[in-house]
Amino acid sequence: MWTMDTLPLFNNAQAWTGPSMAKSLDWIYTMSADEIAEIDAAVARIDPAVDILDIGIDDFALPSLSHKLADFRREVLHGCGFHLIRGLPVERYTLREAAIAYWGIGLHIGEAVSQNGKGHVLGHVANLGLNYVDPEVRGYQTSARLNYHCDASDIVALLCLRTSRSGGLSSVVSSTTCWNEMVRRRPDLALTLLEPLHYTRWGEVPSGKTVYDCVPIFAPYEGRLITTYVRSAVIKAQALPGVPQLTAAQIEAMDFLDALAADPKLHLDMAFQPGDVQLVSNYTVFHSRTSFEDWPEVERRRHLLRLWLACDDGPSVPPFMNERHGLTARGRPDGIRVPGVPLTAPLEPA
């Protein structure tokens, strides 16, 4: 049992600040013309009739780029926790070609797992005009600001196809640094966030599970800090039968954590460009997005493709994280799998 006097601080690669990262830019890699040519050639080899789901790593050889992708994966999983790859020529790809190129890059990083109850392994981050107040609406389906949060996989990856008219900045912050600051400033609240909180499953309930999940935000484990946080899911769980009401201490602790993440001395903002691929660890980085104003023309509206990736060489995680949604055949957290729902890779937002 932890006490305020025994709470650990972490001095490792996962503990960084946004201003320090903004100075280095080591986390940005721009692909060379030769590497883009490798991707073009791999896309061209794919049969036009094949389902994206059926494309395997052997179908998408990237002789040079694959080695760099392996380096980026290790940095995301065991280093600072994020990376940005620039230069995918989405402006000259069809939507299907862009999706195939992105899927192929993902194959060299991890296994795509389901992101929602519809079985989508290729996700779309786009404003569908839905109301975020709705208990079963998730933020990526709206234009609303998203609080800092994590997703349910080893890595979340985003490909920018089109940007919004204004807004929509992507932000990342080290959850390890947030923890360290909380321990230093308010160890009582840090201790509170080691206790489990209830999360709605958004109506996407895996086999044998309840309509809510119950996990802590922070979990020190094997010398690292592992995090799980989606405040909107915590708030919406309050309406579910059997979920206890949040205590004043829990609300204060989440408020303090959100304020830390929003502090410009801690987080890093980045403006996506078309063709950017962002990789983020869900265990050591909280990610967010500012609200945005979209273009009136449907064909110009902000559109990102998303992958949730399970990685064989991912960090060890506490047993409760493996129990949340189940495991892949290779033993990594398996995203959101609902009984009877097949996996699919849709080419349009839905």
Protein backbone atom coordinates (compact mmCIF):
# COMPACT_ATOMS: atom_id res chain seq x y z
CA MET A 1 0.00 0.00 0.00
CA TRP A 2 1.32 3.41 -0.95
CA THR A 3 1.33 6.32 1.48
CA MET A 4 2.02 10.01 0.83
CA ASP A 5 5.54 9.48 2.17
CA THR A 6 6.35 6.52 -0.09
CA LEU A 7 4.94 7.71 -3.43
CA PRO A 8 7.59 7.21 -6.14
CA LEU A 9 9.02 9.82 -8.49
CA PHE A 10 10.18 8.73 -11.93
CA ASN A 11 13.32 10.07 -13.57
CA ASN A 12 13.32 8.30 -16.92
CA ALA A 13 12.83 8.88 -20.65
CA GLN A 14 9.07 9.09 -20.15
CA ALA A 15 9.42 12.21 -17.94
CA TRP A 16 9.74 15.30 -20.16
CA THR A 17 8.24 18.74 -20.63
CA GLY A 18 6.73 20.26 -23.75
CA PRO A 19 9.08 23.26 -23.96
CA SER A 20 12.12 20.98 -23.82
CA MET A 21 10.72 18.82 -26.61
CA ALA A 22 9.89 21.88 -28.71
CA LYS A 23 13.58 22.81 -28.68
CA SER A 24 14.94 19.45 -29.82
CA LEU A 25 12.56 18.35 -32.61
CA ASP A 26 14.24 14.91 -32.52
CA TRP A 27 10.72 13.49 -32.44
CA ILE A 28 9.99 14.66 -36.02
CA TYR A 29 11.14 12.61 -38.99
CA THR A 30 10.57 13.65 -42.61
CA MET A 31 10.59 10.75 -45.03
CA SER A 32 13.04 10.83 -47.94
CA ALA A 33 12.06 10.57 -51.58
CA ASP A 34 13.40 7.00 -51.64
CA GLU A 35 11.29 6.01 -48.64
CA ILE A 36 8.18 7.52 -50.20
CA ALA A 37 8.98 5.60 -53.39
CA GLU A 38 9.05 2.39 -51.32
CA ILE A 39 5.57 3.17 -50.03
CA ASP A 40 4.32 4.05 -53.53
CA ALA A 41 5.64 0.74 -54.86
CA ALA A 42 4.05 -1.23 -52.01
CA VAL A 43 0.68 0.47 -52.58
CA ALA A 44 0.87 -0.24 -56.31
CA ARG A 45 1.41 -3.97 -55.63
CA ILE A 46 -1.88 -4.32 -53.74
CA ASP A 47 -4.70 -5.83 -55.78
CA PRO A 48 -7.47 -3.20 -56.19
CA ALA A 49 -10.05 -5.77 -55.12
CA VAL A 50 -8.37 -6.88 -51.90
CA ASP A 51 -9.91 -5.96 -48.54
CA ILE A 52 -7.55 -3.80 -46.50
CA LEU A 53 -8.02 -6.23 -43.62
CA ASP A 54 -6.42 -8.95 -45.72
CA ILE A 55 -3.20 -7.01 -46.38
CA GLY A 56 -0.37 -8.49 -44.30
CA ILE A 57 3.16 -7.34 -43.61
CA ASP A 58 4.53 -9.70 -46.28
CA ASP A 59 2.37 -7.86 -48.82
CA PHE A 60 3.81 -4.48 -47.88
CA ALA A 61 7.59 -4.68 -47.94
CA LEU A 62 9.42 -1.49 -46.93
CA PRO A 63 13.10 -2.53 -47.13
CA SER A 64 14.60 0.74 -45.84
CA LEU A 65 11.77 2.48 -44.01
CA SER A 66 10.87 -0.60 -41.93
CA HIS A 67 14.09 -0.26 -39.93
CA LYS A 68 13.30 3.35 -39.05
CA LEU A 69 9.72 2.43 -38.15
CA ALA A 70 11.09 -0.16 -35.72
CA ASP A 71 13.23 2.56 -34.13
CA PHE A 72 10.25 4.90 -33.85
CA ARG A 73 8.15 2.12 -32.29
CA ARG A 74 10.79 1.50 -29.61
CA GLU A 75 10.99 5.23 -28.87
CA VAL A 76 7.22 5.43 -28.48
CA LEU A 77 6.96 2.31 -26.33
CA HIS A 78 10.10 2.70 -24.23
CA GLY A 79 11.35 6.26 -24.75
CA CYS A 80 9.60 9.62 -24.70
CA GLY A 81 6.31 8.10 -25.86
CA PHE A 82 5.55 9.89 -29.13
CA HIS A 83 6.87 10.51 -32.63
CA LEU A 84 5.80 12.37 -35.77
CA ILE A 85 6.50 11.09 -39.29
CA ARG A 86 6.08 13.62 -42.08
CA GLY A 87 5.74 13.46 -45.84
CA LEU A 88 3.19 10.79 -46.80
CA PRO A 89 1.91 12.17 -50.15
CA VAL A 90 -1.81 11.99 -49.36
CA GLU A 91 -2.53 14.84 -51.76
CA ARG A 92 -1.86 12.56 -54.74
CA TYR A 93 -3.42 9.42 -53.27
CA THR A 94 -7.02 8.37 -53.50
CA LEU A 95 -8.64 7.75 -50.13
CA ARG A 96 -8.16 4.01 -50.59
CA GLU A 97 -4.50 4.44 -51.55
CA ALA A 98 -3.90 6.66 -48.51
CA ALA A 99 -5.61 4.09 -46.29
CA ILE A 100 -3.51 1.27 -47.76
CA ALA A 101 -0.29 3.25 -47.33
CA TYR A 102 -1.19 4.04 -43.73
CA TRP A 103 -2.29 0.47 -43.01
CA GLY A 104 0.99 -0.79 -44.45
CA ILE A 105 3.03 1.56 -42.26
CA GLY A 106 1.00 0.36 -39.29
CA LEU A 107 1.80 -3.28 -40.10
CA HIS A 108 5.48 -2.51 -39.47
CA ILE A 109 4.65 -1.03 -36.05
CA GLY A 110 2.03 -3.37 -34.59
CA GLU A 111 -1.24 -5.24 -35.01
CA ALA A 112 -4.35 -3.12 -35.62
CA VAL A 113 -7.06 -3.79 -33.02
CA SER A 114 -10.70 -2.73 -32.84
CA GLN A 115 -11.33 0.85 -31.75
CA ASN A 116 -15.05 0.66 -31.05
CA GLY A 117 -18.09 -1.58 -30.81
CA LYS A 118 -18.44 -1.60 -34.60
CA GLY A 119 -15.17 -3.53 -34.98
CA HIS A 120 -13.38 -0.72 -36.80
CA VAL A 121 -9.66 -1.44 -37.05
CA LEU A 122 -9.27 1.53 -39.39
CA GLY A 123 -10.84 4.49 -37.64
CA HIS A 124 -11.88 7.94 -38.82
CA VAL A 125 -11.54 11.07 -36.74
CA ALA A 126 -14.06 13.44 -38.27
CA ASN A 127 -16.88 15.69 -37.16
CA LEU A 128 -20.09 13.75 -37.79
CA GLY A 129 -22.25 16.51 -36.31
CA LEU A 130 -23.00 14.46 -33.19
CA ASN A 131 -23.62 15.88 -29.72
CA TYR A 132 -20.83 15.11 -27.25
CA VAL A 133 -23.36 15.38 -24.42
CA ASP A 134 -24.93 12.10 -25.61
CA PRO A 135 -23.74 9.32 -23.25
CA GLU A 136 -22.70 7.06 -26.14
CA VAL A 137 -21.05 9.69 -28.36
CA ARG A 138 -17.26 9.74 -28.35
CA GLY A 139 -15.28 12.92 -28.76
CA TYR A 140 -13.57 12.00 -32.03
CA GLN A 141 -17.01 12.09 -33.72
CA THR A 142 -17.41 15.81 -32.90
CA SER A 143 -15.56 19.11 -33.31
CA ALA A 144 -15.36 19.64 -29.55
CA ARG A 145 -12.21 20.11 -27.54
CA LEU A 146 -10.99 16.81 -26.14
CA ASN A 147 -9.59 16.63 -22.62
CA TYR A 148 -6.22 14.93 -22.18
CA HIS A 149 -6.78 11.20 -22.24
CA CYS A 150 -5.47 7.73 -23.25
CA ASP A 151 -6.91 5.10 -25.60
CA ALA A 152 -7.19 1.34 -25.08
CA SER A 153 -4.15 -0.01 -26.96
CA ASP A 154 -0.34 0.09 -26.82
CA ILE A 155 -0.06 2.86 -29.44
CA VAL A 156 -2.57 5.21 -31.04
CA ALA A 157 -1.59 6.44 -34.51
CA LEU A 158 -3.16 9.24 -36.54
CA LEU A 159 -2.74 10.10 -40.23
CA CYS A 160 -3.79 13.62 -41.24
CA LEU A 161 -5.61 13.64 -44.58
CA ARG A 162 -7.08 17.14 -44.29
CA THR A 163 -6.91 19.90 -41.70
CA SER A 164 -9.74 22.05 -40.37
CA ARG A 165 -10.40 25.67 -41.28
CA SER A 166 -9.07 26.70 -37.86
CA GLY A 167 -8.21 25.06 -34.55
CA GLY A 168 -7.76 21.34 -34.04
CA LEU A 169 -4.24 21.51 -32.62
CA SER A 170 -2.91 18.20 -31.31
CA SER A 171 -1.40 18.27 -27.83
CA VAL A 172 0.63 15.71 -25.91
CA VAL A 173 1.86 15.73 -22.34
CA SER A 174 3.94 13.28 -20.35
CA SER A 175 1.65 11.54 -17.88
CA THR A 176 4.80 10.63 -15.93
CA THR A 177 5.68 14.33 -15.58
CA CYS A 178 2.10 15.10 -14.52
CA TRP A 179 2.40 12.41 -11.85
CA ASN A 180 5.75 13.72 -10.63
CA GLU A 181 4.35 17.24 -10.33
CA MET A 182 1.29 15.97 -8.50
CA VAL A 183 3.44 14.02 -6.04
CA ARG A 184 5.57 17.10 -5.40
CA ARG A 185 2.68 19.55 -5.04
CA ARG A 186 -0.31 17.51 -3.86
CA PRO A 187 0.69 14.01 -2.74
CA ASP A 188 -2.75 13.58 -1.18
CA LEU A 189 -4.37 13.90 -4.62
CA ALA A 190 -1.76 11.64 -6.22
CA LEU A 191 -2.66 8.99 -3.66
CA THR A 192 -6.34 9.43 -4.54
CA LEU A 193 -5.65 8.70 -8.21
CA LEU A 194 -4.07 5.36 -7.36
CA GLU A 195 -7.58 4.22 -6.43
CA PRO A 196 -9.88 2.77 -9.13
CA LEU A 197 -12.40 4.98 -10.93
CA HIS A 198 -15.45 3.80 -12.89
CA TYR A 199 -15.53 4.38 -16.67
CA THR A 200 -18.46 3.93 -19.06
CA ARG A 201 -17.82 1.51 -21.91
CA TRP A 202 -19.95 3.74 -24.20
CA GLY A 203 -22.35 0.82 -24.74
CA GLU A 204 -19.47 -1.20 -26.28
CA VAL A 205 -19.35 -4.14 -23.89
CA PRO A 206 -16.90 -7.04 -24.40
CA SER A 207 -17.94 -10.59 -23.59
CA GLY A 208 -18.32 -11.22 -19.88
CA LYS A 209 -17.85 -7.56 -18.91
CA THR A 210 -20.14 -5.03 -17.25
CA VAL A 211 -21.29 -1.77 -18.86
CA TYR A 212 -18.54 0.01 -16.92
CA ASP A 213 -14.85 -0.48 -16.29
CA CYS A 214 -13.06 0.14 -12.99
CA VAL A 215 -9.34 1.05 -13.10
CA PRO A 216 -7.00 3.62 -11.52
CA ILE A 217 -5.54 6.52 -13.49
CA PHE A 218 -2.01 5.92 -12.23
CA ALA A 219 -0.33 2.57 -11.63
CA PRO A 220 3.39 2.35 -10.74
CA TYR A 221 4.50 -0.97 -12.20
CA GLU A 222 7.92 -2.57 -12.69
CA GLY A 223 9.84 0.68 -12.40
CA ARG A 224 7.57 2.70 -14.72
CA LEU A 225 4.32 4.56 -14.43
CA ILE A 226 1.39 3.16 -16.44
CA THR A 227 -1.61 5.44 -16.95
CA THR A 228 -5.26 5.11 -17.99
CA TYR A 229 -7.44 8.21 -18.21
CA VAL A 230 -10.57 9.35 -20.04
CA ARG A 231 -12.37 11.87 -17.86
CA SER A 232 -15.41 12.06 -20.13
CA ALA A 233 -15.88 8.30 -19.64
CA VAL A 234 -15.63 8.75 -15.86
CA ILE A 235 -18.25 11.51 -15.88
CA LYS A 236 -20.65 9.64 -18.16
CA ALA A 237 -20.30 6.51 -16.01
CA GLN A 238 -21.98 8.42 -13.18
CA ALA A 239 -25.35 7.82 -14.85
CA LEU A 240 -24.91 4.02 -14.91
CA PRO A 241 -26.61 1.81 -12.31
CA GLY A 242 -24.22 0.51 -9.66
CA VAL A 243 -21.58 3.20 -10.14
CA PRO A 244 -20.80 5.12 -6.91
CA GLN A 245 -20.80 8.88 -7.01
CA LEU A 246 -17.44 10.56 -7.29
CA THR A 247 -16.04 11.90 -4.05
CA ALA A 248 -14.95 15.49 -3.59
CA ALA A 249 -11.35 14.29 -3.39
CA GLN A 250 -11.63 12.41 -6.71
CA ILE A 251 -13.09 15.43 -8.48
CA GLU A 252 -10.41 17.72 -7.02
CA ALA A 253 -7.69 15.25 -8.04
CA MET A 254 -8.93 15.06 -11.65
CA ASP A 255 -9.27 18.86 -11.76
CA PHE A 256 -5.68 19.19 -10.58
CA LEU A 257 -4.46 16.62 -13.11
CA ASP A 258 -6.31 18.35 -15.96
CA ALA A 259 -4.80 21.70 -14.93
CA LEU A 260 -1.31 20.18 -14.95
CA ALA A 261 -1.82 18.69 -18.41
CA ALA A 262 -3.10 22.03 -19.72
CA ASP A 263 -0.11 23.93 -18.32
CA PRO A 264 2.01 25.23 -21.26
CA LYS A 265 5.08 24.54 -19.11
CA LEU A 266 4.29 20.83 -19.38
CA HIS A 267 2.49 20.03 -22.66
CA LEU A 268 3.51 20.24 -26.30
CA ASP A 269 1.22 21.51 -29.08
CA MET A 270 1.62 20.53 -32.71
CA ALA A 271 -0.27 21.56 -35.84
CA PHE A 272 -0.81 18.64 -38.18
CA GLN A 273 0.00 18.93 -41.88
CA PRO A 274 -1.58 16.63 -44.49
CA GLY A 275 0.59 13.52 -44.64
CA ASP A 276 1.66 13.62 -40.97
CA VAL A 277 1.57 10.33 -39.05
CA GLN A 278 1.58 10.78 -35.28
CA LEU A 279 2.44 7.85 -32.96
CA VAL A 280 1.60 8.10 -29.24
CA SER A 281 1.99 5.70 -26.32
CA ASN A 282 -1.24 5.25 -24.41
CA TYR A 283 0.63 4.30 -21.23
CA THR A 284 2.97 7.26 -20.80
CA VAL A 285 1.41 10.14 -22.76
CA PHE A 286 -1.94 11.91 -22.49
CA HIS A 287 -3.15 13.33 -25.80
CA SER A 288 -5.68 16.03 -26.53
CA ARG A 289 -7.10 18.25 -29.26
CA THR A 290 -8.38 21.79 -29.29
CA SER A 291 -11.84 22.49 -30.66
CA PHE A 292 -11.99 23.36 -34.32
CA GLU A 293 -14.05 25.13 -36.97
CA ASP A 294 -14.49 23.04 -40.09
CA TRP A 295 -14.82 24.03 -43.72
CA PRO A 296 -18.38 24.37 -45.06
CA GLU A 297 -17.53 22.13 -48.03
CA VAL A 298 -17.79 18.45 -47.08
CA GLU A 299 -14.85 17.48 -49.30
CA ARG A 300 -12.53 19.90 -47.45
CA ARG A 301 -13.45 19.00 -43.87
CA ARG A 302 -10.93 17.84 -41.29
CA HIS A 303 -10.28 14.13 -41.63
CA LEU A 304 -7.79 11.90 -39.85
CA LEU A 305 -7.35 8.14 -40.10
CA ARG A 306 -6.63 6.31 -36.87
CA LEU A 307 -5.06 3.00 -35.87
CA TRP A 308 -4.91 1.41 -32.44
CA LEU A 309 -1.84 -0.81 -32.47
CA ALA A 310 -0.89 -3.77 -30.27
CA CYS A 311 2.89 -4.27 -30.16
CA ASP A 312 4.70 -7.48 -29.23
CA ASP A 313 7.50 -5.49 -27.60
CA GLY A 314 5.19 -3.22 -25.61
CA PRO A 315 5.90 -2.57 -21.93
CA SER A 316 4.69 -4.82 -19.16
CA VAL A 317 1.37 -3.58 -17.86
CA PRO A 318 -0.52 -4.32 -14.63
CA PRO A 319 -2.80 -7.37 -14.81
CA PHE A 320 -5.94 -5.23 -14.57
CA MET A 321 -5.10 -3.63 -17.93
CA ASN A 322 -5.01 -7.03 -19.62
CA GLU A 323 -8.38 -7.84 -18.10
CA ARG A 324 -10.13 -4.67 -19.29
CA HIS A 325 -10.93 -5.79 -22.84
CA GLY A 326 -9.06 -9.06 -23.34
CA LEU A 327 -5.85 -9.94 -25.17
CA THR A 328 -4.78 -10.47 -28.76
CA ALA A 329 -3.55 -13.90 -29.81
CA ARG A 330 -0.02 -12.59 -29.13
CA GLY A 331 -0.88 -11.47 -25.60
CA ARG A 332 -1.29 -7.69 -25.91
CA PRO A 333 -4.33 -5.55 -24.95
CA ASP A 334 -6.93 -6.09 -27.66
CA GLY A 335 -8.83 -2.81 -27.95
CA ILE A 336 -12.64 -3.03 -27.89
CA ARG A 337 -14.10 -6.36 -29.02
CA VAL A 338 -17.87 -6.85 -28.84
CA PRO A 339 -19.22 -10.41 -29.24
CA GLY A 340 -20.52 -11.20 -32.72
CA VAL A 341 -19.08 -8.05 -34.31
CA PRO A 342 -16.59 -8.78 -37.12
CA LEU A 343 -13.53 -6.63 -37.73
CA THR A 344 -13.81 -4.13 -40.56
CA ALA A 345 -11.72 -1.38 -42.17
CA PRO A 346 -14.22 1.19 -43.51
CA LEU A 347 -13.05 3.82 -45.98
CA GLU A 348 -15.59 6.42 -44.86
CA PRO A 349 -16.42 7.87 -41.40
CA ALA A 350 -19.28 6.08 -39.69
